[in-house]
C-alpha atoms as a PDB file:
ATOM      1  CA  UNK A   1      54.007  75.973   4.475  1.00  0.00           C
ATOM      2  CA  UNK A   2      56.188  74.304   7.122  1.00  0.00           C
ATOM      3  CA  UNK A   3      59.570  75.950   7.396  1.00  0.00           C
ATOM      4  CA  UNK A   4      62.578  73.642   7.495  1.00  0.00           C
ATOM      5  CA  UNK A   5      64.614  73.476  10.703  1.00  0.00           C
ATOM      6  CA  UNK A   6      67.998  71.854  11.181  1.00  0.00           C
ATOM      7  CA  UNK A   7      69.651  71.199  14.536  1.00  0.00           C
ATOM      8  CA  UNK A   8      73.440  71.565  14.712  1.00  0.00           C
ATOM      9  CA  UNK A   9      75.503  70.025  17.521  1.00  0.00           C
ATOM     10  CA  UNK A  10      79.290  70.221  17.854  1.00  0.00           C
ATOM     11  CA  UNK A  11      80.674  67.482  20.094  1.00  0.00           C
ATOM     12  CA  UNK A  12      83.979  66.899  21.827  1.00  0.00           C
ATOM     13  CA  UNK A  13      84.132  64.005  24.287  1.00  0.00           C
ATOM     14  CA  UNK A  14      80.400  64.370  24.862  1.00  0.00           C
ATOM     15  CA  UNK A  15      79.506  60.737  25.546  1.00  0.00           C
ATOM     16  CA  UNK A  16      77.775  61.547  28.854  1.00  0.00           C
ATOM     17  CA  UNK A  17      75.311  63.992  27.294  1.00  0.00           C
ATOM     18  CA  UNK A  18      74.794  63.353  23.594  1.00  0.00           C
ATOM     19  CA  UNK A  19      72.082  60.691  23.713  1.00  0.00           C
ATOM     20  CA  UNK A  20      69.891  62.653  26.109  1.00  0.00           C
ATOM     21  CA  UNK A  21      70.370  65.726  23.923  1.00  0.00           C
ATOM     22  CA  UNK A  22      69.421  63.864  20.738  1.00  0.00           C
ATOM     23  CA  UNK A  23      66.422  62.177  22.354  1.00  0.00           C
ATOM     24  CA  UNK A  24      65.074  65.617  23.275  1.00  0.00           C
ATOM     25  CA  UNK A  25      65.560  66.796  19.683  1.00  0.00           C
ATOM     26  CA  UNK A  26      63.686  63.755  18.382  1.00  0.00           C
ATOM     27  CA  UNK A  27      60.836  64.483  20.807  1.00  0.00           C
ATOM     28  CA  UNK A  28      60.258  68.023  19.463  1.00  0.00           C
ATOM     29  CA  UNK A  29      56.653  68.771  18.467  1.00  0.00           C
ATOM     30  CA  UNK A  30      57.920  70.709  15.431  1.00  0.00           C
ATOM     31  CA  UNK A  31      59.365  68.514  12.652  1.00  0.00           C
ATOM     32  CA  UNK A  32      63.165  68.685  12.375  1.00  0.00           C
ATOM     33  CA  UNK A  33      64.429  68.202   8.827  1.00  0.00           C
ATOM     34  CA  UNK A  34      68.030  67.386   9.660  1.00  0.00           C
ATOM     35  CA  UNK A  35      70.290  66.809  12.656  1.00  0.00           C
ATOM     36  CA  UNK A  36      73.969  67.566  12.067  1.00  0.00           C
ATOM     37  CA  UNK A  37      76.595  66.345  14.513  1.00  0.00           C
ATOM     38  CA  UNK A  38      80.081  67.736  13.930  1.00  0.00           C
ATOM     39  CA  UNK A  39      82.491  65.766  16.093  1.00  0.00           C
ATOM     40  CA  UNK A  40      85.801  67.449  16.929  1.00  0.00           C
ATOM     41  CA  UNK A  41      87.912  64.313  17.145  1.00  0.00           C
ATOM     42  CA  UNK A  42      86.456  62.900  20.363  1.00  0.00           C
ATOM     43  CA  UNK A  43      88.559  60.289  22.123  1.00  0.00           C
ATOM     44  CA  UNK A  44      85.647  58.789  24.053  1.00  0.00           C
ATOM     45  CA  UNK A  45      82.487  56.967  22.850  1.00  0.00           C
ATOM     46  CA  UNK A  46      80.686  60.046  21.522  1.00  0.00           C
ATOM     47  CA  UNK A  47      80.500  58.886  17.910  1.00  0.00           C
ATOM     48  CA  UNK A  48      79.616  55.345  18.944  1.00  0.00           C
ATOM     49  CA  UNK A  49      76.652  56.666  20.902  1.00  0.00           C
ATOM     50  CA  UNK A  50      75.568  58.929  18.043  1.00  0.00           C
ATOM     51  CA  UNK A  51      75.684  56.108  15.490  1.00  0.00           C
ATOM     52  CA  UNK A  52      73.834  53.794  17.885  1.00  0.00           C
ATOM     53  CA  UNK A  53      70.832  56.095  17.463  1.00  0.00           C
ATOM     54  CA  UNK A  54      70.922  55.845  13.680  1.00  0.00           C
ATOM     55  CA  UNK A  55      67.801  53.701  13.489  1.00  0.00           C
ATOM     56  CA  UNK A  56      65.813  56.183  15.559  1.00  0.00           C
ATOM     57  CA  UNK A  57      67.162  59.214  13.731  1.00  0.00           C
ATOM     58  CA  UNK A  58      66.777  57.466  10.340  1.00  0.00           C
ATOM     59  CA  UNK A  59      67.741  59.647   7.377  1.00  0.00           C
ATOM     60  CA  UNK A  60      67.753  62.885   9.376  1.00  0.00           C
ATOM     61  CA  UNK A  61      71.240  62.378  10.783  1.00  0.00           C
ATOM     62  CA  UNK A  62      74.384  63.791   9.202  1.00  0.00           C
ATOM     63  CA  UNK A  63      77.659  63.151  11.035  1.00  0.00           C
ATOM     64  CA  UNK A  64      80.785  65.138  10.158  1.00  0.00           C
ATOM     65  CA  UNK A  65      83.854  63.652  11.919  1.00  0.00           C
ATOM     66  CA  UNK A  66      86.791  66.046  12.062  1.00  0.00           C
ATOM     67  CA  UNK A  67      90.348  64.743  12.289  1.00  0.00           C
ATOM     68  CA  UNK A  68      91.228  67.402  14.859  1.00  0.00           C
ATOM     69  CA  UNK A  69      89.484  69.665  17.344  1.00  0.00           C
ATOM     70  CA  UNK A  70      88.652  72.641  15.139  1.00  0.00           C
ATOM     71  CA  UNK A  71      86.661  74.415  17.874  1.00  0.00           C
ATOM     72  CA  UNK A  72      83.051  75.460  18.417  1.00  0.00           C
ATOM     73  CA  UNK A  73      82.903  78.268  15.866  1.00  0.00           C
ATOM     74  CA  UNK A  74      84.477  76.456  12.878  1.00  0.00           C
ATOM     75  CA  UNK A  75      82.476  73.310  13.702  1.00  0.00           C
ATOM     76  CA  UNK A  76      79.193  75.164  13.557  1.00  0.00           C
ATOM     77  CA  UNK A  77      80.221  76.900  10.343  1.00  0.00           C
ATOM     78  CA  UNK A  78      80.675  73.428   8.854  1.00  0.00           C
ATOM     79  CA  UNK A  79      77.172  72.445   9.906  1.00  0.00           C
ATOM     80  CA  UNK A  80      75.649  75.660   8.558  1.00  0.00           C
ATOM     81  CA  UNK A  81      77.354  75.094   5.191  1.00  0.00           C
ATOM     82  CA  UNK A  82      75.992  71.538   5.067  1.00  0.00           C
ATOM     83  CA  UNK A  83      72.320  72.553   5.462  1.00  0.00           C
ATOM     84  CA  UNK A  84      69.799  74.745   3.685  1.00  0.00           C
ATOM     85  CA  UNK A  85      67.009  75.018   6.250  1.00  0.00           C
ATOM     86  CA  UNK A  86      65.175  78.283   6.856  1.00  0.00           C
ATOM     87  CA  UNK A  87      66.018  78.029  10.557  1.00  0.00           C
ATOM     88  CA  UNK A  88      69.025  76.697  12.445  1.00  0.00           C
ATOM     89  CA  UNK A  89      69.161  75.624  16.075  1.00  0.00           C
ATOM     90  CA  UNK A  90      72.724  75.771  17.407  1.00  0.00           C
ATOM     91  CA  UNK A  91      72.692  73.365  20.334  1.00  0.00           C
ATOM     92  CA  UNK A  92      75.242  72.308  22.928  1.00  0.00           C
ATOM     93  CA  UNK A  93      75.395  68.545  23.557  1.00  0.00           C
ATOM     94  CA  UNK A  94      74.879  69.153  27.287  1.00  0.00           C
ATOM     95  CA  UNK A  95      71.504  70.867  26.704  1.00  0.00           C
ATOM     96  CA  UNK A  96      68.154  69.092  26.894  1.00  0.00           C
ATOM     97  CA  UNK A  97      65.090  70.824  25.430  1.00  0.00           C
ATOM     98  CA  UNK A  98      61.425  70.695  26.357  1.00  0.00           C
ATOM     99  CA  UNK A  99      59.360  69.275  23.466  1.00  0.00           C
ATOM    100  CA  UNK A 100      57.912  72.630  22.316  1.00  0.00           C
ATOM    101  CA  UNK A 101      61.175  74.599  22.292  1.00  0.00           C
ATOM    102  CA  UNK A 102      61.546  74.711  18.511  1.00  0.00           C
ATOM    103  CA  UNK A 103      57.816  75.086  17.831  1.00  0.00           C
ATOM    104  CA  UNK A 104      57.553  78.170  20.052  1.00  0.00           C
ATOM    105  CA  UNK A 105      60.581  79.891  18.536  1.00  0.00           C
ATOM    106  CA  UNK A 106      59.686  79.090  14.906  1.00  0.00           C
ATOM    107  CA  UNK A 107      56.212  80.509  15.445  1.00  0.00           C
ATOM    108  CA  UNK A 108      57.550  83.725  16.924  1.00  0.00           C
ATOM    109  CA  UNK A 109      60.188  84.321  14.254  1.00  0.00           C
ATOM    110  CA  UNK A 110      57.695  83.624  11.471  1.00  0.00           C
ATOM    111  CA  UNK A 111      55.434  86.319  12.904  1.00  0.00           C
ATOM    112  CA  UNK A 112      58.306  88.766  13.475  1.00  0.00           C
ATOM    113  CA  UNK A 113      60.698  88.743  10.489  1.00  0.00           C
ATOM    114  CA  UNK A 114      62.786  91.579  11.934  1.00  0.00           C
ATOM    115  CA  UNK A 115      63.916  89.157  14.656  1.00  0.00           C
ATOM    116  CA  UNK A 116      66.832  87.033  13.475  1.00  0.00           C
ATOM    117  CA  UNK A 117      67.670  85.098  16.632  1.00  0.00           C
ATOM    118  CA  UNK A 118      65.812  83.773  19.643  1.00  0.00           C
ATOM    119  CA  UNK A 119      66.291  81.779  22.797  1.00  0.00           C
ATOM    120  CA  UNK A 120      64.147  80.225  25.447  1.00  0.00           C
ATOM    121  CA  UNK A 121      64.574  80.143  29.199  1.00  0.00           C
ATOM    122  CA  UNK A 122      67.681  78.038  29.832  1.00  0.00           C
ATOM    123  CA  UNK A 123      67.773  76.534  33.315  1.00  0.00           C
ATOM    124  CA  UNK A 124      70.514  74.704  35.159  1.00  0.00           C
ATOM    125  CA  UNK A 125      70.097  70.994  34.643  1.00  0.00           C
ATOM    126  CA  UNK A 126      71.426  70.413  38.161  1.00  0.00           C
ATOM    127  CA  UNK A 127      68.814  72.790  39.621  1.00  0.00           C
ATOM    128  CA  UNK A 128      65.937  73.746  37.298  1.00  0.00           C
ATOM    129  CA  UNK A 129      64.756  76.408  39.737  1.00  0.00           C
ATOM    130  CA  UNK A 130      67.835  78.479  38.777  1.00  0.00           C
ATOM    131  CA  UNK A 131      68.450  80.350  35.516  1.00  0.00           C
ATOM    132  CA  UNK A 132      71.386  79.532  33.272  1.00  0.00           C
ATOM    133  CA  UNK A 133      70.587  82.149  30.614  1.00  0.00           C
ATOM    134  CA  UNK A 134      67.678  84.207  29.323  1.00  0.00           C
ATOM    135  CA  UNK A 135      69.763  85.776  26.593  1.00  0.00           C
ATOM    136  CA  UNK A 136      72.879  87.932  26.495  1.00  0.00           C
ATOM    137  CA  UNK A 137      73.402  91.406  27.889  1.00  0.00           C
ATOM    138  CA  UNK A 138      76.394  93.695  27.354  1.00  0.00           C
ATOM    139  CA  UNK A 139      77.379  96.395  29.832  1.00  0.00           C
ATOM    140  CA  UNK A 140      79.077  99.737  29.217  1.00  0.00           C
ATOM    141  CA  UNK A 141      82.503  98.175  29.687  1.00  0.00           C
ATOM    142  CA  UNK A 142      81.782  95.840  26.738  1.00  0.00           C
ATOM    143  CA  UNK A 143      81.492  92.826  29.020  1.00  0.00           C
ATOM    144  CA  UNK A 144      78.825  90.328  28.049  1.00  0.00           C
ATOM    145  CA  UNK A 145      76.881  88.177  30.485  1.00  0.00           C
ATOM    146  CA  UNK A 146      74.191  85.527  30.476  1.00  0.00           C
ATOM    147  CA  UNK A 147      71.158  87.482  31.590  1.00  0.00           C
ATOM    148  CA  UNK A 148      69.610  86.238  34.830  1.00  0.00           C
ATOM    149  CA  UNK A 149      72.316  83.617  35.446  1.00  0.00           C
ATOM    150  CA  UNK A 150      72.090  82.251  38.976  1.00  0.00           C
ATOM    151  CA  UNK A 151      68.761  83.927  39.702  1.00  0.00           C
ATOM    152  CA  UNK A 152      65.419  82.208  40.506  1.00  0.00           C
ATOM    153  CA  UNK A 153      63.655  81.058  37.340  1.00  0.00           C
ATOM    154  CA  UNK A 154      60.389  82.507  38.656  1.00  0.00           C
ATOM    155  CA  UNK A 155      61.760  86.034  38.130  1.00  0.00           C
ATOM    156  CA  UNK A 156      62.095  85.559  34.363  1.00  0.00           C
ATOM    157  CA  UNK A 157      58.563  84.858  33.139  1.00  0.00           C
ATOM    158  CA  UNK A 158      58.332  87.911  30.868  1.00  0.00           C
ATOM    159  CA  UNK A 159      59.391  87.551  27.235  1.00  0.00           C
ATOM    160  CA  UNK A 160      61.062  90.400  25.367  1.00  0.00           C
ATOM    161  CA  UNK A 161      63.904  91.716  23.232  1.00  0.00           C
ATOM    162  CA  UNK A 162      67.502  91.035  24.314  1.00  0.00           C
ATOM    163  CA  UNK A 163      70.960  91.983  23.080  1.00  0.00           C
ATOM    164  CA  UNK A 164      71.661  88.440  21.894  1.00  0.00           C
ATOM    165  CA  UNK A 165      71.299  84.745  22.624  1.00  0.00           C
ATOM    166  CA  UNK A 166      73.552  82.190  24.268  1.00  0.00           C
ATOM    167  CA  UNK A 167      75.157  79.724  21.873  1.00  0.00           C
ATOM    168  CA  UNK A 168      74.033  76.883  24.140  1.00  0.00           C
ATOM    169  CA  UNK A 169      70.602  76.782  22.470  1.00  0.00           C
ATOM    170  CA  UNK A 170      70.498  79.584  19.911  1.00  0.00           C
ATOM    171  CA  UNK A 171      67.791  79.721  17.260  1.00  0.00           C
ATOM    172  CA  UNK A 172      68.768  81.644  14.104  1.00  0.00           C
ATOM    173  CA  UNK A 173      66.973  82.468  10.866  1.00  0.00           C
ATOM    174  CA  UNK A 174      68.851  81.602   7.693  1.00  0.00           C
ATOM    175  CA  UNK A 175      68.101  85.098   6.394  1.00  0.00           C
ATOM    176  CA  UNK A 176      70.036  86.620   9.264  1.00  0.00           C
ATOM    177  CA  UNK A 177      72.832  84.060   8.969  1.00  0.00           C
ATOM    178  CA  UNK A 178      73.344  84.928   5.317  1.00  0.00           C
ATOM    179  CA  UNK A 179      72.960  88.664   5.880  1.00  0.00           C
ATOM    180  CA  UNK A 180      75.585  89.029   8.608  1.00  0.00           C
ATOM    181  CA  UNK A 181      78.087  86.383   7.509  1.00  0.00           C
ATOM    182  CA  UNK A 182      81.549  87.704   6.652  1.00  0.00           C
ATOM    183  CA  UNK A 183      83.529  85.918   3.934  1.00  0.00           C
ATOM    184  CA  UNK A 184      81.089  83.021   4.149  1.00  0.00           C
ATOM    185  CA  UNK A 185      81.482  82.655   7.925  1.00  0.00           C
ATOM    186  CA  UNK A 186      78.638  83.129  10.383  1.00  0.00           C
ATOM    187  CA  UNK A 187      80.715  82.435  13.490  1.00  0.00           C
ATOM    188  CA  UNK A 188      84.190  83.925  13.346  1.00  0.00           C
ATOM    189  CA  UNK A 189      86.478  80.904  12.972  1.00  0.00           C
ATOM    190  CA  UNK A 190      89.350  82.826  14.589  1.00  0.00           C
ATOM    191  CA  UNK A 191      87.457  82.648  17.878  1.00  0.00           C
ATOM    192  CA  UNK A 192      87.746  78.825  18.170  1.00  0.00           C
ATOM    193  CA  UNK A 193      85.434  78.946  21.221  1.00  0.00           C
ATOM    194  CA  UNK A 194      84.116  81.442  23.793  1.00  0.00           C
ATOM    195  CA  UNK A 195      82.329  84.719  23.038  1.00  0.00           C
ATOM    196  CA  UNK A 196      81.629  83.701  19.440  1.00  0.00           C
ATOM    197  CA  UNK A 197      77.909  83.992  20.262  1.00  0.00           C
ATOM    198  CA  UNK A 198      78.449  87.500  21.667  1.00  0.00           C
ATOM    199  CA  UNK A 199      80.350  88.475  18.520  1.00  0.00           C
ATOM    200  CA  UNK A 200      77.438  87.264  16.381  1.00  0.00           C
ATOM    201  CA  UNK A 201      74.936  89.110  18.577  1.00  0.00           C
ATOM    202  CA  UNK A 202      76.905  92.365  18.340  1.00  0.00           C
ATOM    203  CA  UNK A 203      77.317  92.084  14.580  1.00  0.00           C
ATOM    204  CA  UNK A 204      73.616  91.307  14.137  1.00  0.00           C
ATOM    205  CA  UNK A 205      72.706  94.293  16.307  1.00  0.00           C
ATOM    206  CA  UNK A 206      74.909  96.593  14.206  1.00  0.00           C
ATOM    207  CA  UNK A 207      73.296  95.333  10.996  1.00  0.00           C
ATOM    208  CA  UNK A 208      69.748  95.941  12.211  1.00  0.00           C
ATOM    209  CA  UNK A 209      68.583  92.535  13.441  1.00  0.00           C
ATOM    210  CA  UNK A 210      66.694  91.996  16.680  1.00  0.00           C
ATOM    211  CA  UNK A 211      66.994  89.159  19.180  1.00  0.00           C
ATOM    212  CA  UNK A 212      64.225  87.768  21.376  1.00  0.00           C
ATOM    213  CA  UNK A 213      63.834  85.869  24.644  1.00  0.00           C
ATOM    214  CA  UNK A 214      60.738  83.666  24.818  1.00  0.00           C
ATOM    215  CA  UNK A 215      60.001  82.604  28.385  1.00  0.00           C
ATOM    216  CA  UNK A 216      57.735  79.704  27.351  1.00  0.00           C
ATOM    217  CA  UNK A 217      60.478  77.816  25.506  1.00  0.00           C
ATOM    218  CA  UNK A 218      62.464  75.862  28.089  1.00  0.00           C
ATOM    219  CA  UNK A 219      65.882  74.190  27.992  1.00  0.00           C
ATOM    220  CA  UNK A 220      68.179  72.651  30.597  1.00  0.00           C
ATOM    221  CA  UNK A 221      71.943  73.246  30.493  1.00  0.00           C
ATOM    222  CA  UNK A 222      74.584  71.221  32.364  1.00  0.00           C
ATOM    223  CA  UNK A 223      77.292  73.920  32.128  1.00  0.00           C
ATOM    224  CA  UNK A 224      79.993  71.279  32.408  1.00  0.00           C
ATOM    225  CA  UNK A 225      82.784  73.676  31.372  1.00  0.00           C
ATOM    226  CA  UNK A 226      82.562  75.518  34.703  1.00  0.00           C
ATOM    227  CA  UNK A 227      83.404  72.469  36.793  1.00  0.00           C
ATOM    228  CA  UNK A 228      86.642  72.891  38.699  1.00  0.00           C
ATOM    229  CA  UNK A 229      87.027  76.639  38.136  1.00  0.00           C
ATOM    230  CA  UNK A 230      89.310  78.635  35.814  1.00  0.00           C
ATOM    231  CA  UNK A 231      92.584  76.989  36.770  1.00  0.00           C
ATOM    232  CA  UNK A 232      91.276  73.575  35.736  1.00  0.00           C
ATOM    233  CA  UNK A 233      90.745  74.837  32.190  1.00  0.00           C
ATOM    234  CA  UNK A 234      93.535  74.373  29.594  1.00  0.00           C
ATOM    235  CA  UNK A 235      95.678  77.446  29.008  1.00  0.00           C
ATOM    236  CA  UNK A 236      94.616  77.807  25.372  1.00  0.00           C
ATOM    237  CA  UNK A 237      90.958  77.938  26.466  1.00  0.00           C
ATOM    238  CA  UNK A 238      91.671  80.644  29.052  1.00  0.00           C
ATOM    239  CA  UNK A 239      93.599  82.577  26.429  1.00  0.00           C
ATOM    240  CA  UNK A 240      90.709  82.303  23.954  1.00  0.00           C
ATOM    241  CA  UNK A 241      88.210  83.503  26.539  1.00  0.00           C
ATOM    242  CA  UNK A 242      90.419  86.498  27.328  1.00  0.00           C
ATOM    243  CA  UNK A 243      91.462  87.635  23.855  1.00  0.00           C
ATOM    244  CA  UNK A 244      88.180  87.028  22.035  1.00  0.00           C
ATOM    245  CA  UNK A 245      86.625  89.952  23.887  1.00  0.00           C
ATOM    246  CA  UNK A 246      89.222  92.274  22.401  1.00  0.00           C
ATOM    247  CA  UNK A 247      88.805  90.753  18.958  1.00  0.00           C
ATOM    248  CA  UNK A 248      85.082  91.431  18.903  1.00  0.00           C
ATOM    249  CA  UNK A 249      85.573  94.906  20.398  1.00  0.00           C
ATOM    250  CA  UNK A 250      87.949  95.799  17.576  1.00  0.00           C
ATOM    251  CA  UNK A 251      85.710  94.361  14.861  1.00  0.00           C
ATOM    252  CA  UNK A 252      82.376  95.686  16.082  1.00  0.00           C
ATOM    253  CA  UNK A 253      83.175  98.826  18.078  1.00  0.00           C
ATOM    254  CA  UNK A 254      83.360 102.434  16.945  1.00  0.00           C
ATOM    255  CA  UNK A 255      84.870 105.654  18.213  1.00  0.00           C
ATOM    256  CA  UNK A 256      81.595 107.003  19.566  1.00  0.00           C
ATOM    257  CA  UNK A 257      81.059 103.890  21.660  1.00  0.00           C
ATOM    258  CA  UNK A 258      84.620 103.991  22.972  1.00  0.00           C
ATOM    259  CA  UNK A 259      84.210 107.629  23.977  1.00  0.00           C
ATOM    260  CA  UNK A 260      80.919 106.992  25.785  1.00  0.00           C
ATOM    261  CA  UNK A 261      82.255 103.837  27.451  1.00  0.00           C
ATOM    262  CA  UNK A 262      85.696 105.114  28.459  1.00  0.00           C
ATOM    263  CA  UNK A 263      84.698 105.969  32.021  1.00  0.00           C
ATOM    264  CA  UNK A 264      83.386 102.424  32.539  1.00  0.00           C
ATOM    265  CA  UNK A 265      86.065 100.573  30.606  1.00  0.00           C
ATOM    266  CA  UNK A 266      89.240 101.992  32.148  1.00  0.00           C
ATOM    267  CA  UNK A 267      88.627 100.737  35.727  1.00  0.00           C
ATOM    268  CA  UNK A 268      87.710  97.282  34.459  1.00  0.00           C
ATOM    269  CA  UNK A 269      90.656  97.054  32.068  1.00  0.00           C
ATOM    270  CA  UNK A 270      93.111  98.107  34.782  1.00  0.00           C
ATOM    271  CA  UNK A 271      91.711  95.655  37.339  1.00  0.00           C
ATOM    272  CA  UNK A 272      91.321  92.787  34.875  1.00  0.00           C
ATOM    273  CA  UNK A 273      94.763  93.008  33.340  1.00  0.00           C
ATOM    274  CA  UNK A 274      96.397  93.582  36.729  1.00  0.00           C
ATOM    275  CA  UNK A 275      94.865  90.277  37.799  1.00  0.00           C
ATOM    276  CA  UNK A 276      96.290  88.472  34.785  1.00  0.00           C
ATOM    277  CA  UNK A 277      99.725  90.039  35.234  1.00  0.00           C
ATOM    278  CA  UNK A 278      99.853  88.916  38.861  1.00  0.00           C
ATOM    279  CA  UNK A 279      97.921  85.627  38.812  1.00  0.00           C
ATOM    280  CA  UNK A 280      97.812  84.269  35.256  1.00  0.00           C
ATOM    281  CA  UNK A 281     100.558  85.978  33.231  1.00  0.00           C
ATOM    282  CA  UNK A 282     100.643  83.188  30.639  1.00  0.00           C
ATOM    283  CA  UNK A 283      97.113  84.122  29.570  1.00  0.00           C
ATOM    284  CA  UNK A 284      98.455  87.427  28.257  1.00  0.00           C
ATOM    285  CA  UNK A 285     100.355  85.457  25.636  1.00  0.00           C
ATOM    286  CA  UNK A 286      97.025  85.512  23.782  1.00  0.00           C
ATOM    287  CA  UNK A 287      97.981  88.939  22.428  1.00  0.00           C
ATOM    288  CA  UNK A 288     100.337  87.126  20.039  1.00  0.00           C
ATOM    289  CA  UNK A 289      97.306  85.613  18.308  1.00  0.00           C
ATOM    290  CA  UNK A 290      95.709  89.062  18.093  1.00  0.00           C
ATOM    291  CA  UNK A 291      98.806  90.335  16.332  1.00  0.00           C
ATOM    292  CA  UNK A 292      98.959  87.404  13.937  1.00  0.00           C
ATOM    293  CA  UNK A 293      95.269  87.773  13.064  1.00  0.00           C
ATOM    294  CA  UNK A 294      95.200  91.577  12.942  1.00  0.00           C
ATOM    295  CA  UNK A 295      95.023  91.842   9.149  1.00  0.00           C
ATOM    296  CA  UNK A 296      92.072  89.440   9.070  1.00  0.00           C
ATOM    297  CA  UNK A 297      90.372  91.306  11.915  1.00  0.00           C
ATOM    298  CA  UNK A 298      90.829  94.575  10.065  1.00  0.00           C
ATOM    299  CA  UNK A 299      89.381  93.053   6.897  1.00  0.00           C
ATOM    300  CA  UNK A 300      86.364  91.753   8.814  1.00  0.00           C
ATOM    301  CA  UNK A 301      85.849  95.146  10.433  1.00  0.00           C
ATOM    302  CA  UNK A 302      85.772  96.776   7.002  1.00  0.00           C
ATOM    303  CA  UNK A 303      83.332  94.148   5.752  1.00  0.00           C
ATOM    304  CA  UNK A 304      80.988  94.873   8.655  1.00  0.00           C
ATOM    305  CA  UNK A 305      81.222  98.586   7.862  1.00  0.00           C
ATOM    306  CA  UNK A 306      80.403  97.899   4.213  1.00  0.00           C
ATOM    307  CA  UNK A 307      77.295  95.916   5.202  1.00  0.00           C
ATOM    308  CA  UNK A 308      76.175  98.377   7.852  1.00  0.00           C
ATOM    309  CA  UNK A 309      72.971 100.253   7.114  1.00  0.00           C
ATOM    310  CA  UNK A 310      73.912 102.754   9.828  1.00  0.00           C
ATOM    311  CA  UNK A 311      77.640 103.425   9.232  1.00  0.00           C
ATOM    312  CA  UNK A 312      80.076 103.742  12.141  1.00  0.00           C
ATOM    313  CA  UNK A 313      83.346 105.597  12.351  1.00  0.00           C
ATOM    314  CA  UNK A 314      86.523 103.623  11.814  1.00  0.00           C
END
């Protein structure tokens, strides 16, 4: 029996990338049941370009136009709620996939039900000889990175388990989505954007799900958000990137981990926050949002504990 797959794309002023992204989805060797585009109030021709492909996409396309920019995490939660497929591919509009990407990952997850998420080898679109991501890794200071980023693609030919998968082209089973969702949310809507994929990976890890990197599934990522460096990014984006790490640490961490990680965390925390105090003090205003959301964060932490098959200490 063929398992249903839906592809979810959240767009925001994505007119330069969206058609190439959708054409690659259409070209997949594995049948895609539905393509959901959630547009976060784009001011360019994104929606025009999506609708222009209606004839090619036929009845597979569902477009959800938001009246404001709700963010990556809430947008993808909308798409997840609008579908019922056994598998979901969360895809950035600036990613182009090789034709067998979905086929390879569906096959692996069907054969390994303990694995709830998977990714392929994501390469830089500007230089396909260089890795963008082969999954997520988290160090002892609770900092998450795209594994292999910037390294030669030839070094990453071995598939295997990883901590998590990048949200740029993340393949999730519906079983895992439903199992780890908190209050009906898979991605934490309080994150808006940045590190929401790490938060999901950490939560999934706590609740007993595995994540896999398959080197034969290939994607190409433009990484447009890095153009121009940090100071070209809006303040609210820099604040989200900063504070979301602490949000997920509070929700997903435990005393034992903090004790074991203390030696590694203190030097980083001192250096990192000293930088923000001296160079980007306005970013530290993000702690106001942490305070406002604390009750919700605490509730989510308790919900994770209640679901946990291997309880942690609060």
